[in-house]
Each structure stands twice: as structure tokens, then as C-alpha cells.
Amino acid sequence: MEKKNDFFEQVWEVVKLIPYSRVTSYGAIARYLGTAGAARTVGYAMNASHRSATQIPAHRVLNRNGMLTGKHHFGTDRLMQQLLESESIVVENDIVVNFDQLFWDPNKELF
């Protein structure tokens, strides 16, 4: 169990680095951490982040197509979208508009 918690904390540390008004994907975080096949586990970490003692901007992590697949973990169906919109990110039909332009890739941004 400790190994899983360590991975979750590594994920959270990366998520804390996502700049305001930018988004990334579960897979991009997994690749950055050297676990390319662990996108689903990154999703589990995002769900668990709501219980973290520190604030994790989990709303900035989306699926590979820019879809708000984790929205049901935010308490209400609209909260994830509202958090993104508060950062001037446009969401239509649960998909971030201009996802490619807003995409933050930790493999390129973090050295």
C-alpha cells in the first residue's frame, strides 16, 4: 500500500506544477513519471487527491482528448467545468476547447 501512496504523491507533485489556465492528461503525467501504461492509476490518484491535506488542482487533468472524464469526482457534475472556466478555459460538451493549445506536457516543460 505504501508504494501506491508514494506514486499518488508523485502524481500530485506533478499536478501542482501545472500552470494556471493550462491542462494536461493522465497519460502525459504517467509518461513523465516513467510509467507510460499507468494513465488509469494517475486517474485514481486524482480521485484520491480530494482527500489530500494540500490543495491539488485536479481539475486541470483531463483525458487524452481533453474530455472532463473525472468530473463525477468533484462533488457536482459542474464543479470541474466551473473551476476550469474560472481560469478562462472554455468547455463545451465536457470537452476543453483548444485543448491542444492549452496542453501542458511535463516531459517538455519540466527538465
PDB file of N, CA and C in Angstrom:
ATOM      1  N   MET A   1       0.814  -1.195   0.000  1.00  0.00           N
ATOM      2  CA  MET A   1       0.000   0.000   0.000  1.00  0.00           C
ATOM      3  C   MET A   1       0.860   1.263   0.000  1.00  0.00           C
ATOM      4  N   GLU A   2       2.002   1.244   0.668  1.00  0.00           N
ATOM      5  CA  GLU A   2       2.864   2.419   0.729  1.00  0.00           C
ATOM      6  C   GLU A   2       3.383   2.795  -0.653  1.00  0.00           C
ATOM      7  N   LYS A   3       3.689   1.796  -1.491  1.00  0.00           N
ATOM      8  CA  LYS A   3       4.181   2.060  -2.828  1.00  0.00           C
ATOM      9  C   LYS A   3       3.134   2.834  -3.631  1.00  0.00           C
ATOM     10  N   LYS A   4       1.858   2.449  -3.509  1.00  0.00           N
ATOM     11  CA  LYS A   4       0.781   3.148  -4.192  1.00  0.00           C
ATOM     12  C   LYS A   4       0.698   4.593  -3.714  1.00  0.00           C
ATOM     13  N   ASN A   5       0.765   4.805  -2.417  1.00  0.00           N
ATOM     14  CA  ASN A   5       0.712   6.156  -1.875  1.00  0.00           C
ATOM     15  C   ASN A   5       1.878   6.997  -2.370  1.00  0.00           C
ATOM     16  N   ASP A   6       3.064   6.401  -2.472  1.00  0.00           N
ATOM     17  CA  ASP A   6       4.219   7.120  -2.998  1.00  0.00           C
ATOM     18  C   ASP A   6       3.959   7.564  -4.433  1.00  0.00           C
ATOM     19  N   PHE A   7       3.376   6.678  -5.253  1.00  0.00           N
ATOM     20  CA  PHE A   7       3.063   7.024  -6.642  1.00  0.00           C
ATOM     21  C   PHE A   7       2.043   8.155  -6.676  1.00  0.00           C
ATOM     22  N   PHE A   8       1.009   8.060  -5.865  1.00  0.00           N
ATOM     23  CA  PHE A   8      -0.010   9.106  -5.809  1.00  0.00           C
ATOM     24  C   PHE A   8       0.638  10.448  -5.461  1.00  0.00           C
ATOM     25  N   GLU A   9       1.519  10.449  -4.498  1.00  0.00           N
ATOM     26  CA  GLU A   9       2.186  11.693  -4.107  1.00  0.00           C
ATOM     27  C   GLU A   9       3.067  12.231  -5.227  1.00  0.00           C
ATOM     28  N   GLN A  10       3.708  11.350  -5.981  1.00  0.00           N
ATOM     29  CA  GLN A  10       4.497  11.793  -7.135  1.00  0.00           C
ATOM     30  C   GLN A  10       3.586  12.442  -8.166  1.00  0.00           C
ATOM     31  N   VAL A  11       2.436  11.832  -8.405  1.00  0.00           N
ATOM     32  CA  VAL A  11       1.457  12.395  -9.340  1.00  0.00           C
ATOM     33  C   VAL A  11       1.032  13.774  -8.858  1.00  0.00           C
ATOM     34  N   TRP A  12       0.700  13.891  -7.581  1.00  0.00           N
ATOM     35  CA  TRP A  12       0.229  15.166  -7.041  1.00  0.00           C
ATOM     36  C   TRP A  12       1.280  16.257  -7.175  1.00  0.00           C
ATOM     37  N   GLU A  13       2.547  15.895  -6.982  1.00  0.00           N
ATOM     38  CA  GLU A  13       3.616  16.889  -7.116  1.00  0.00           C
ATOM     39  C   GLU A  13       3.693  17.419  -8.551  1.00  0.00           C
ATOM     40  N   VAL A  14       3.493  16.548  -9.525  1.00  0.00           N
ATOM     41  CA  VAL A  14       3.481  16.991 -10.924  1.00  0.00           C
ATOM     42  C   VAL A  14       2.262  17.880 -11.169  1.00  0.00           C
ATOM     43  N   VAL A  15       1.112  17.470 -10.685  1.00  0.00           N
ATOM     44  CA  VAL A  15      -0.129  18.226 -10.909  1.00  0.00           C
ATOM     45  C   VAL A  15      -0.020  19.628 -10.307  1.00  0.00           C
ATOM     46  N   LYS A  16       0.633  19.758  -9.179  1.00  0.00           N
ATOM     47  CA  LYS A  16       0.811  21.075  -8.555  1.00  0.00           C
ATOM     48  C   LYS A  16       1.613  22.020  -9.450  1.00  0.00           C
ATOM     49  N   LEU A  17       2.368  21.484 -10.399  1.00  0.00           N
ATOM     50  CA  LEU A  17       3.203  22.292 -11.285  1.00  0.00           C
ATOM     51  C   LEU A  17       2.483  22.751 -12.547  1.00  0.00           C
ATOM     52  N   ILE A  18       1.286  22.245 -12.792  1.00  0.00           N
ATOM     53  CA  ILE A  18       0.538  22.649 -13.987  1.00  0.00           C
ATOM     54  C   ILE A  18       0.191  24.128 -13.844  1.00  0.00           C
ATOM     55  N   PRO A  19       0.600  24.944 -14.794  1.00  0.00           N
ATOM     56  CA  PRO A  19       0.327  26.381 -14.678  1.00  0.00           C
ATOM     57  C   PRO A  19      -1.168  26.701 -14.746  1.00  0.00           C
ATOM     58  N   TYR A  20      -1.532  27.788 -14.131  1.00  0.00           N
ATOM     59  CA  TYR A  20      -2.877  28.342 -14.194  1.00  0.00           C
ATOM     60  C   TYR A  20      -3.295  28.477 -15.665  1.00  0.00           C
ATOM     61  N   SER A  21      -4.523  28.106 -15.970  1.00  0.00           N
ATOM     62  CA  SER A  21      -5.086  28.188 -17.328  1.00  0.00           C
ATOM     63  C   SER A  21      -4.446  27.229 -18.320  1.00  0.00           C
ATOM     64  N   ARG A  22      -3.821  26.180 -17.828  1.00  0.00           N
ATOM     65  CA  ARG A  22      -3.261  25.135 -18.687  1.00  0.00           C
ATOM     66  C   ARG A  22      -3.817  23.804 -18.203  1.00  0.00           C
ATOM     67  N   VAL A  23      -3.783  22.813 -19.058  1.00  0.00           N
ATOM     68  CA  VAL A  23      -4.284  21.477 -18.726  1.00  0.00           C
ATOM     69  C   VAL A  23      -3.310  20.426 -19.226  1.00  0.00           C
ATOM     70  N   THR A  24      -3.434  19.229 -18.673  1.00  0.00           N
ATOM     71  CA  THR A  24      -2.634  18.106 -19.132  1.00  0.00           C
ATOM     72  C   THR A  24      -3.506  16.858 -19.105  1.00  0.00           C
ATOM     73  N   SER A  25      -2.902  15.733 -19.392  1.00  0.00           N
ATOM     74  CA  SER A  25      -3.663  14.477 -19.425  1.00  0.00           C
ATOM     75  C   SER A  25      -3.084  13.468 -18.439  1.00  0.00           C
ATOM     76  N   TYR A  26      -3.906  12.493 -18.110  1.00  0.00           N
ATOM     77  CA  TYR A  26      -3.468  11.401 -17.239  1.00  0.00           C
ATOM     78  C   TYR A  26      -2.237  10.715 -17.842  1.00  0.00           C
ATOM     79  N   GLY A  27      -2.301  10.465 -19.147  1.00  0.00           N
ATOM     80  CA  GLY A  27      -1.210   9.779 -19.827  1.00  0.00           C
ATOM     81  C   GLY A  27       0.088  10.561 -19.834  1.00  0.00           C
ATOM     82  N   ALA A  28       0.000  11.881 -20.006  1.00  0.00           N
ATOM     83  CA  ALA A  28       1.209  12.715 -20.009  1.00  0.00           C
ATOM     84  C   ALA A  28       1.907  12.652 -18.656  1.00  0.00           C
ATOM     85  N   ILE A  29       1.118  12.653 -17.596  1.00  0.00           N
ATOM     86  CA  ILE A  29       1.705  12.549 -16.254  1.00  0.00           C
ATOM     87  C   ILE A  29       2.336  11.180 -16.069  1.00  0.00           C
ATOM     88  N   ALA A  30       1.641  10.138 -16.502  1.00  0.00           N
ATOM     89  CA  ALA A  30       2.178   8.779 -16.382  1.00  0.00           C
ATOM     90  C   ALA A  30       3.498   8.652 -17.145  1.00  0.00           C
ATOM     91  N   ARG A  31       3.556   9.179 -18.376  1.00  0.00           N
ATOM     92  CA  ARG A  31       4.795   9.115 -19.166  1.00  0.00           C
ATOM     93  C   ARG A  31       5.919   9.873 -18.465  1.00  0.00           C
ATOM     94  N   TYR A  32       5.603  11.034 -17.914  1.00  0.00           N
ATOM     95  CA  TYR A  32       6.617  11.827 -17.220  1.00  0.00           C
ATOM     96  C   TYR A  32       7.209  11.056 -16.038  1.00  0.00           C
ATOM     97  N   LEU A  33       6.362  10.302 -15.359  1.00  0.00           N
ATOM     98  CA  LEU A  33       6.824   9.539 -14.191  1.00  0.00           C
ATOM     99  C   LEU A  33       7.456   8.197 -14.580  1.00  0.00           C
ATOM    100  N   GLY A  34       7.573   7.951 -15.879  1.00  0.00           N
ATOM    101  CA  GLY A  34       8.210   6.718 -16.346  1.00  0.00           C
ATOM    102  C   GLY A  34       7.318   5.504 -16.270  1.00  0.00           C
ATOM    103  N   THR A  35       6.022   5.731 -16.220  1.00  0.00           N
ATOM    104  CA  THR A  35       5.045   4.637 -16.123  1.00  0.00           C
ATOM    105  C   THR A  35       3.979   4.830 -17.198  1.00  0.00           C
ATOM    106  N   ALA A  36       4.400   4.788 -18.458  1.00  0.00           N
ATOM    107  CA  ALA A  36       3.526   5.133 -19.581  1.00  0.00           C
ATOM    108  C   ALA A  36       2.189   4.393 -19.580  1.00  0.00           C
ATOM    109  N   GLY A  37       2.131   3.193 -19.069  1.00  0.00           N
ATOM    110  CA  GLY A  37       0.886   2.433 -19.071  1.00  0.00           C
ATOM    111  C   GLY A  37      -0.003   2.683 -17.865  1.00  0.00           C
ATOM    112  N   ALA A  38       0.327   3.674 -17.054  1.00  0.00           N
ATOM    113  CA  ALA A  38      -0.379   3.862 -15.792  1.00  0.00           C
ATOM    114  C   ALA A  38      -1.328   5.060 -15.787  1.00  0.00           C
ATOM    115  N   ALA A  39      -1.861   5.432 -16.942  1.00  0.00           N
ATOM    116  CA  ALA A  39      -2.772   6.578 -17.001  1.00  0.00           C
ATOM    117  C   ALA A  39      -3.979   6.371 -16.083  1.00  0.00           C
ATOM    118  N   ARG A  40      -4.495   5.173 -16.044  1.00  0.00           N
ATOM    119  CA  ARG A  40      -5.648   4.899 -15.175  1.00  0.00           C
ATOM    120  C   ARG A  40      -5.275   5.093 -13.699  1.00  0.00           C
ATOM    121  N   THR A  41      -4.074   4.685 -13.326  1.00  0.00           N
ATOM    122  CA  THR A  41      -3.632   4.851 -11.944  1.00  0.00           C
ATOM    123  C   THR A  41      -3.459   6.334 -11.614  1.00  0.00           C
ATOM    124  N   VAL A  42      -3.043   7.122 -12.590  1.00  0.00           N
ATOM    125  CA  VAL A  42      -2.984   8.575 -12.391  1.00  0.00           C
ATOM    126  C   VAL A  42      -4.401   9.085 -12.107  1.00  0.00           C
ATOM    127  N   GLY A  43      -5.379   8.545 -12.815  1.00  0.00           N
ATOM    128  CA  GLY A  43      -6.770   8.904 -12.543  1.00  0.00           C
ATOM    129  C   GLY A  43      -7.183   8.561 -11.126  1.00  0.00           C
ATOM    130  N   TYR A  44      -6.763   7.413 -10.652  1.00  0.00           N
ATOM    131  CA  TYR A  44      -7.061   7.033  -9.264  1.00  0.00           C
ATOM    132  C   TYR A  44      -6.409   8.027  -8.291  1.00  0.00           C
ATOM    133  N   ALA A  45      -5.193   8.452  -8.627  1.00  0.00           N
ATOM    134  CA  ALA A  45      -4.505   9.435  -7.782  1.00  0.00           C
ATOM    135  C   ALA A  45      -5.258  10.758  -7.776  1.00  0.00           C
ATOM    136  N   MET A  46      -5.809  11.137  -8.927  1.00  0.00           N
ATOM    137  CA  MET A  46      -6.579  12.377  -8.991  1.00  0.00           C
ATOM    138  C   MET A  46      -7.831  12.277  -8.121  1.00  0.00           C
ATOM    139  N   ASN A  47      -8.487  11.140  -8.160  1.00  0.00           N
ATOM    140  CA  ASN A  47      -9.668  10.937  -7.312  1.00  0.00           C
ATOM    141  C   ASN A  47      -9.278  11.014  -5.836  1.00  0.00           C
ATOM    142  N   ALA A  48      -8.167  10.404  -5.475  1.00  0.00           N
ATOM    143  CA  ALA A  48      -7.711  10.414  -4.083  1.00  0.00           C
ATOM    144  C   ALA A  48      -7.209  11.791  -3.656  1.00  0.00           C
ATOM    145  N   SER A  49      -6.876  12.641  -4.612  1.00  0.00           N
ATOM    146  CA  SER A  49      -6.320  13.957  -4.276  1.00  0.00           C
ATOM    147  C   SER A  49      -7.317  14.836  -3.530  1.00  0.00           C
ATOM    148  N   HIS A  50      -8.586  14.540  -3.650  1.00  0.00           N
ATOM    149  CA  HIS A  50      -9.604  15.336  -2.954  1.00  0.00           C
ATOM    150  C   HIS A  50      -9.510  15.161  -1.440  1.00  0.00           C
ATOM    151  N   ARG A  51      -8.816  14.108  -1.018  1.00  0.00           N
ATOM    152  CA  ARG A  51      -8.624  13.865   0.416  1.00  0.00           C
ATOM    153  C   ARG A  51      -7.240  14.308   0.899  1.00  0.00           C
ATOM    154  N   SER A  52      -6.472  14.899   0.007  1.00  0.00           N
ATOM    155  CA  SER A  52      -5.117  15.344   0.357  1.00  0.00           C
ATOM    156  C   SER A  52      -5.174  16.537   1.309  1.00  0.00           C
ATOM    157  N   ALA A  53      -4.176  16.631   2.153  1.00  0.00           N
ATOM    158  CA  ALA A  53      -4.080  17.755   3.095  1.00  0.00           C
ATOM    159  C   ALA A  53      -3.732  19.053   2.370  1.00  0.00           C
ATOM    160  N   THR A  54      -3.099  18.940   1.201  1.00  0.00           N
ATOM    161  CA  THR A  54      -2.756  20.119   0.412  1.00  0.00           C
ATOM    162  C   THR A  54      -3.676  20.203  -0.804  1.00  0.00           C
ATOM    163  N   GLN A  55      -3.834  21.393  -1.327  1.00  0.00           N
ATOM    164  CA  GLN A  55      -4.712  21.592  -2.478  1.00  0.00           C
ATOM    165  C   GLN A  55      -4.023  21.115  -3.752  1.00  0.00           C
ATOM    166  N   ILE A  56      -4.696  20.238  -4.471  1.00  0.00           N
ATOM    167  CA  ILE A  56      -4.198  19.689  -5.725  1.00  0.00           C
ATOM    168  C   ILE A  56      -5.138  20.177  -6.829  1.00  0.00           C
ATOM    169  N   PRO A  57      -4.653  20.850  -7.877  1.00  0.00           N
ATOM    170  CA  PRO A  57      -5.543  21.326  -8.940  1.00  0.00           C
ATOM    171  C   PRO A  57      -5.940  20.200  -9.904  1.00  0.00           C
ATOM    172  N   ALA A  58      -6.648  19.231  -9.385  1.00  0.00           N
ATOM    173  CA  ALA A  58      -7.031  18.042 -10.157  1.00  0.00           C
ATOM    174  C   ALA A  58      -7.906  18.380 -11.359  1.00  0.00           C
ATOM    175  N   HIS A  59      -8.582  19.509 -11.324  1.00  0.00           N
ATOM    176  CA  HIS A  59      -9.449  19.902 -12.436  1.00  0.00           C
ATOM    177  C   HIS A  59      -8.660  20.155 -13.718  1.00  0.00           C
ATOM    178  N   ARG A  60      -7.358  20.325 -13.614  1.00  0.00           N
ATOM    179  CA  ARG A  60      -6.512  20.582 -14.784  1.00  0.00           C
ATOM    180  C   ARG A  60      -6.041  19.301 -15.469  1.00  0.00           C
ATOM    181  N   VAL A  61      -6.452  18.150 -14.962  1.00  0.00           N
ATOM    182  CA  VAL A  61      -6.031  16.870 -15.541  1.00  0.00           C
ATOM    183  C   VAL A  61      -7.232  16.240 -16.239  1.00  0.00           C
ATOM    184  N   LEU A  62      -7.065  15.989 -17.540  1.00  0.00           N
ATOM    185  CA  LEU A  62      -8.147  15.514 -18.398  1.00  0.00           C
ATOM    186  C   LEU A  62      -7.730  14.244 -19.114  1.00  0.00           C
ATOM    187  N   ASN A  63      -8.643  13.683 -19.877  1.00  0.00           N
ATOM    188  CA  ASN A  63      -8.241  12.529 -20.677  1.00  0.00           C
ATOM    189  C   ASN A  63      -7.481  13.009 -21.918  1.00  0.00           C
ATOM    190  N   ARG A  64      -6.990  12.107 -22.716  1.00  0.00           N
ATOM    191  CA  ARG A  64      -6.110  12.458 -23.844  1.00  0.00           C
ATOM    192  C   ARG A  64      -6.792  13.278 -24.928  1.00  0.00           C
ATOM    193  N   ASN A  65      -8.129  13.345 -24.888  1.00  0.00           N
ATOM    194  CA  ASN A  65      -8.881  14.125 -25.862  1.00  0.00           C
ATOM    195  C   ASN A  65      -9.394  15.442 -25.293  1.00  0.00           C
ATOM    196  N   GLY A  66      -9.003  15.756 -24.070  1.00  0.00           N
ATOM    197  CA  GLY A  66      -9.454  16.991 -23.451  1.00  0.00           C
ATOM    198  C   GLY A  66     -10.823  16.901 -22.808  1.00  0.00           C
ATOM    199  N   MET A  67     -11.272  15.685 -22.579  1.00  0.00           N
ATOM    200  CA  MET A  67     -12.597  15.465 -22.009  1.00  0.00           C
ATOM    201  C   MET A  67     -12.540  15.431 -20.486  1.00  0.00           C
ATOM    202  N   LEU A  68     -13.561  15.950 -19.847  1.00  0.00           N
ATOM    203  CA  LEU A  68     -13.655  16.010 -18.389  1.00  0.00           C
ATOM    204  C   LEU A  68     -14.183  14.681 -17.840  1.00  0.00           C
ATOM    205  N   THR A  69     -13.417  13.629 -18.028  1.00  0.00           N
ATOM    206  CA  THR A  69     -13.865  12.299 -17.620  1.00  0.00           C
ATOM    207  C   THR A  69     -13.911  12.123 -16.110  1.00  0.00           C
ATOM    208  N   GLY A  70     -13.192  12.949 -15.365  1.00  0.00           N
ATOM    209  CA  GLY A  70     -13.179  12.821 -13.912  1.00  0.00           C
ATOM    210  C   GLY A  70     -14.179  13.719 -13.205  1.00  0.00           C
ATOM    211  N   LYS A  71     -15.075  14.336 -13.951  1.00  0.00           N
ATOM    212  CA  LYS A  71     -15.964  15.347 -13.365  1.00  0.00           C
ATOM    213  C   LYS A  71     -16.855  14.819 -12.251  1.00  0.00           C
ATOM    214  N   HIS A  72     -17.193  13.541 -12.289  1.00  0.00           N
ATOM    215  CA  HIS A  72     -18.084  12.982 -11.264  1.00  0.00           C
ATOM    216  C   HIS A  72     -17.394  12.827  -9.902  1.00  0.00           C
ATOM    217  N   HIS A  73     -16.096  13.099  -9.843  1.00  0.00           N
ATOM    218  CA  HIS A  73     -15.365  13.024  -8.572  1.00  0.00           C
ATOM    219  C   HIS A  73     -15.250  14.391  -7.888  1.00  0.00           C
ATOM    220  N   PHE A  74     -15.927  15.390  -8.414  1.00  0.00           N
ATOM    221  CA  PHE A  74     -15.814  16.742  -7.887  1.00  0.00           C
ATOM    222  C   PHE A  74     -17.006  17.179  -7.038  1.00  0.00           C
ATOM    223  N   GLY A  75     -17.847  16.286  -6.655  1.00  0.00           N
ATOM    224  CA  GLY A  75     -18.974  16.646  -5.787  1.00  0.00           C
ATOM    225  C   GLY A  75     -20.234  16.971  -6.557  1.00  0.00           C
ATOM    226  N   THR A  76     -20.106  17.786  -7.600  1.00  0.00           N
ATOM    227  CA  THR A  76     -21.224  18.056  -8.502  1.00  0.00           C
ATOM    228  C   THR A  76     -20.734  17.878  -9.928  1.00  0.00           C
ATOM    229  N   ASP A  77     -21.641  17.614 -10.841  1.00  0.00           N
ATOM    230  CA  ASP A  77     -21.252  17.397 -12.237  1.00  0.00           C
ATOM    231  C   ASP A  77     -20.664  18.643 -12.899  1.00  0.00           C
ATOM    232  N   ARG A  78     -20.930  19.806 -12.350  1.00  0.00           N
ATOM    233  CA  ARG A  78     -20.470  21.048 -12.979  1.00  0.00           C
ATOM    234  C   ARG A  78     -19.233  21.656 -12.329  1.00  0.00           C
ATOM    235  N   LEU A  79     -18.835  21.185 -11.164  1.00  0.00           N
ATOM    236  CA  LEU A  79     -17.741  21.843 -10.447  1.00  0.00           C
ATOM    237  C   LEU A  79     -16.423  21.823 -11.217  1.00  0.00           C
ATOM    238  N   MET A  80     -16.059  20.714 -11.823  1.00  0.00           N
ATOM    239  CA  MET A  80     -14.805  20.647 -12.580  1.00  0.00           C
ATOM    240  C   MET A  80     -14.824  21.677 -13.711  1.00  0.00           C
ATOM    241  N   GLN A  81     -15.925  21.741 -14.429  1.00  0.00           N
ATOM    242  CA  GLN A  81     -16.056  22.718 -15.514  1.00  0.00           C
ATOM    243  C   GLN A  81     -15.989  24.140 -14.970  1.00  0.00           C
ATOM    244  N   GLN A  82     -16.644  24.403 -13.874  1.00  0.00           N
ATOM    245  CA  GLN A  82     -16.630  25.737 -13.284  1.00  0.00           C
ATOM    246  C   GLN A  82     -15.222  26.151 -12.864  1.00  0.00           C
ATOM    247  N   LEU A  83     -14.461  25.214 -12.313  1.00  0.00           N
ATOM    248  CA  LEU A  83     -13.082  25.512 -11.918  1.00  0.00           C
ATOM    249  C   LEU A  83     -12.234  25.852 -13.145  1.00  0.00           C
ATOM    250  N   LEU A  84     -12.414  25.101 -14.224  1.00  0.00           N
ATOM    251  CA  LEU A  84     -11.681  25.387 -15.456  1.00  0.00           C
ATOM    252  C   LEU A  84     -12.102  26.737 -16.027  1.00  0.00           C
ATOM    253  N   GLU A  85     -13.390  26.998 -16.040  1.00  0.00           N
ATOM    254  CA  GLU A  85     -13.889  28.263 -16.577  1.00  0.00           C
ATOM    255  C   GLU A  85     -13.419  29.452 -15.737  1.00  0.00           C
ATOM    256  N   SER A  86     -13.214  29.243 -14.443  1.00  0.00           N
ATOM    257  CA  SER A  86     -12.709  30.325 -13.596  1.00  0.00           C
ATOM    258  C   SER A  86     -11.273  30.689 -13.967  1.00  0.00           C
ATOM    259  N   GLU A  87     -10.616  29.820 -14.749  1.00  0.00           N
ATOM    260  CA  GLU A  87      -9.264  30.076 -15.245  1.00  0.00           C
ATOM    261  C   GLU A  87      -9.293  30.472 -16.724  1.00  0.00           C
ATOM    262  N   SER A  88     -10.473  30.871 -17.194  1.00  0.00           N
ATOM    263  CA  SER A  88     -10.692  31.296 -18.592  1.00  0.00           C
ATOM    264  C   SER A  88     -10.515  30.171 -19.607  1.00  0.00           C
ATOM    265  N   ILE A  89     -10.729  28.949 -19.174  1.00  0.00           N
ATOM    266  CA  ILE A  89     -10.687  27.794 -20.071  1.00  0.00           C
ATOM    267  C   ILE A  89     -12.123  27.507 -20.502  1.00  0.00           C
ATOM    268  N   VAL A  90     -12.331  27.467 -21.821  1.00  0.00           N
ATOM    269  CA  VAL A  90     -13.668  27.243 -22.367  1.00  0.00           C
ATOM    270  C   VAL A  90     -13.927  25.746 -22.471  1.00  0.00           C
ATOM    271  N   VAL A  91     -15.104  25.338 -21.966  1.00  0.00           N
ATOM    272  CA  VAL A  91     -15.514  23.936 -22.006  1.00  0.00           C
ATOM    273  C   VAL A  91     -16.863  23.850 -22.710  1.00  0.00           C
ATOM    274  N   GLU A  92     -16.935  22.984 -23.704  1.00  0.00           N
ATOM    275  CA  GLU A  92     -18.193  22.743 -24.407  1.00  0.00           C
ATOM    276  C   GLU A  92     -18.448  21.247 -24.464  1.00  0.00           C
ATOM    277  N   ASN A  93     -19.626  20.843 -24.034  1.00  0.00           N
ATOM    278  CA  ASN A  93     -19.996  19.426 -24.046  1.00  0.00           C
ATOM    279  C   ASN A  93     -18.958  18.556 -23.344  1.00  0.00           C
ATOM    280  N   ASP A  94     -18.468  19.032 -22.201  1.00  0.00           N
ATOM    281  CA  ASP A  94     -17.494  18.309 -21.376  1.00  0.00           C
ATOM    282  C   ASP A  94     -16.131  18.127 -22.038  1.00  0.00           C
ATOM    283  N   ILE A  95     -15.809  18.967 -23.019  1.00  0.00           N
ATOM    284  CA  ILE A  95     -14.508  18.913 -23.687  1.00  0.00           C
ATOM    285  C   ILE A  95     -13.899  20.317 -23.680  1.00  0.00           C
ATOM    286  N   VAL A  96     -12.618  20.409 -23.350  1.00  0.00           N
ATOM    287  CA  VAL A  96     -11.917  21.695 -23.347  1.00  0.00           C
ATOM    288  C   VAL A  96     -11.684  22.134 -24.791  1.00  0.00           C
ATOM    289  N   VAL A  97     -12.166  23.327 -25.100  1.00  0.00           N
ATOM    290  CA  VAL A  97     -11.960  23.922 -26.418  1.00  0.00           C
ATOM    291  C   VAL A  97     -10.491  24.338 -26.507  1.00  0.00           C
ATOM    292  N   ASN A  98      -9.889  24.119 -27.648  1.00  0.00           N
ATOM    293  CA  ASN A  98      -8.466  24.428 -27.870  1.00  0.00           C
ATOM    294  C   ASN A  98      -7.558  23.634 -26.941  1.00  0.00           C
ATOM    295  N   PHE A  99      -7.931  22.402 -26.673  1.00  0.00           N
ATOM    296  CA  PHE A  99      -7.147  21.536 -25.786  1.00  0.00           C
ATOM    297  C   PHE A  99      -5.681  21.474 -26.216  1.00  0.00           C
ATOM    298  N   ASP A 100      -5.432  21.317 -27.513  1.00  0.00           N
ATOM    299  CA  ASP A 100      -4.048  21.215 -27.987  1.00  0.00           C
ATOM    300  C   ASP A 100      -3.226  22.455 -27.660  1.00  0.00           C
ATOM    301  N   GLN A 101      -3.841  23.625 -27.708  1.00  0.00           N
ATOM    302  CA  GLN A 101      -3.132  24.868 -27.427  1.00  0.00           C
ATOM    303  C   GLN A 101      -2.915  25.078 -25.931  1.00  0.00           C
ATOM    304  N   LEU A 102      -3.802  24.545 -25.116  1.00  0.00           N
ATOM    305  CA  LEU A 102      -3.702  24.703 -23.664  1.00  0.00           C
ATOM    306  C   LEU A 102      -2.921  23.572 -23.003  1.00  0.00           C
ATOM    307  N   PHE A 103      -2.602  22.551 -23.785  1.00  0.00           N
ATOM    308  CA  PHE A 103      -1.963  21.348 -23.250  1.00  0.00           C
ATOM    309  C   PHE A 103      -0.571  21.651 -22.715  1.00  0.00           C
ATOM    310  N   TRP A 104      -0.332  21.211 -21.490  1.00  0.00           N
ATOM    311  CA  TRP A 104       0.962  21.353 -20.814  1.00  0.00           C
ATOM    312  C   TRP A 104       1.556  19.963 -20.699  1.00  0.00           C
ATOM    313  N   ASP A 105       2.685  19.746 -21.348  1.00  0.00           N
ATOM    314  CA  ASP A 105       3.336  18.437 -21.336  1.00  0.00           C
ATOM    315  C   ASP A 105       4.517  18.476 -20.384  1.00  0.00           C
ATOM    316  N   PRO A 106       4.421  17.779 -19.250  1.00  0.00           N
ATOM    317  CA  PRO A 106       5.523  17.825 -18.277  1.00  0.00           C
ATOM    318  C   PRO A 106       6.835  17.324 -18.854  1.00  0.00           C
ATOM    319  N   ASN A 107       6.781  16.445 -19.856  1.00  0.00           N
ATOM    320  CA  ASN A 107       8.023  15.954 -20.469  1.00  0.00           C
ATOM    321  C   ASN A 107       8.754  17.038 -21.230  1.00  0.00           C
ATOM    322  N   LYS A 108       8.030  18.053 -21.694  1.00  0.00           N
ATOM    323  CA  LYS A 108       8.652  19.167 -22.408  1.00  0.00           C
ATOM    324  C   LYS A 108       8.898  20.373 -21.505  1.00  0.00           C
ATOM    325  N   GLU A 109       8.034  20.547 -20.524  1.00  0.00           N
ATOM    326  CA  GLU A 109       8.083  21.733 -19.674  1.00  0.00           C
ATOM    327  C   GLU A 109       8.991  21.592 -18.460  1.00  0.00           C
ATOM    328  N   LEU A 110       9.146  20.378 -17.973  1.00  0.00           N
ATOM    329  CA  LEU A 110       9.961  20.147 -16.778  1.00  0.00           C
ATOM    330  C   LEU A 110      11.263  19.475 -17.180  1.00  0.00           C
ATOM    331  N   PHE A 111      12.343  20.010 -16.789  1.00  0.00           N
ATOM    332  CA  PHE A 111      13.652  19.438 -17.163  1.00  0.00           C
ATOM    333  C   PHE A 111      14.282  18.795 -15.954  1.00  0.00           C
TER     334      PHE A 111
END
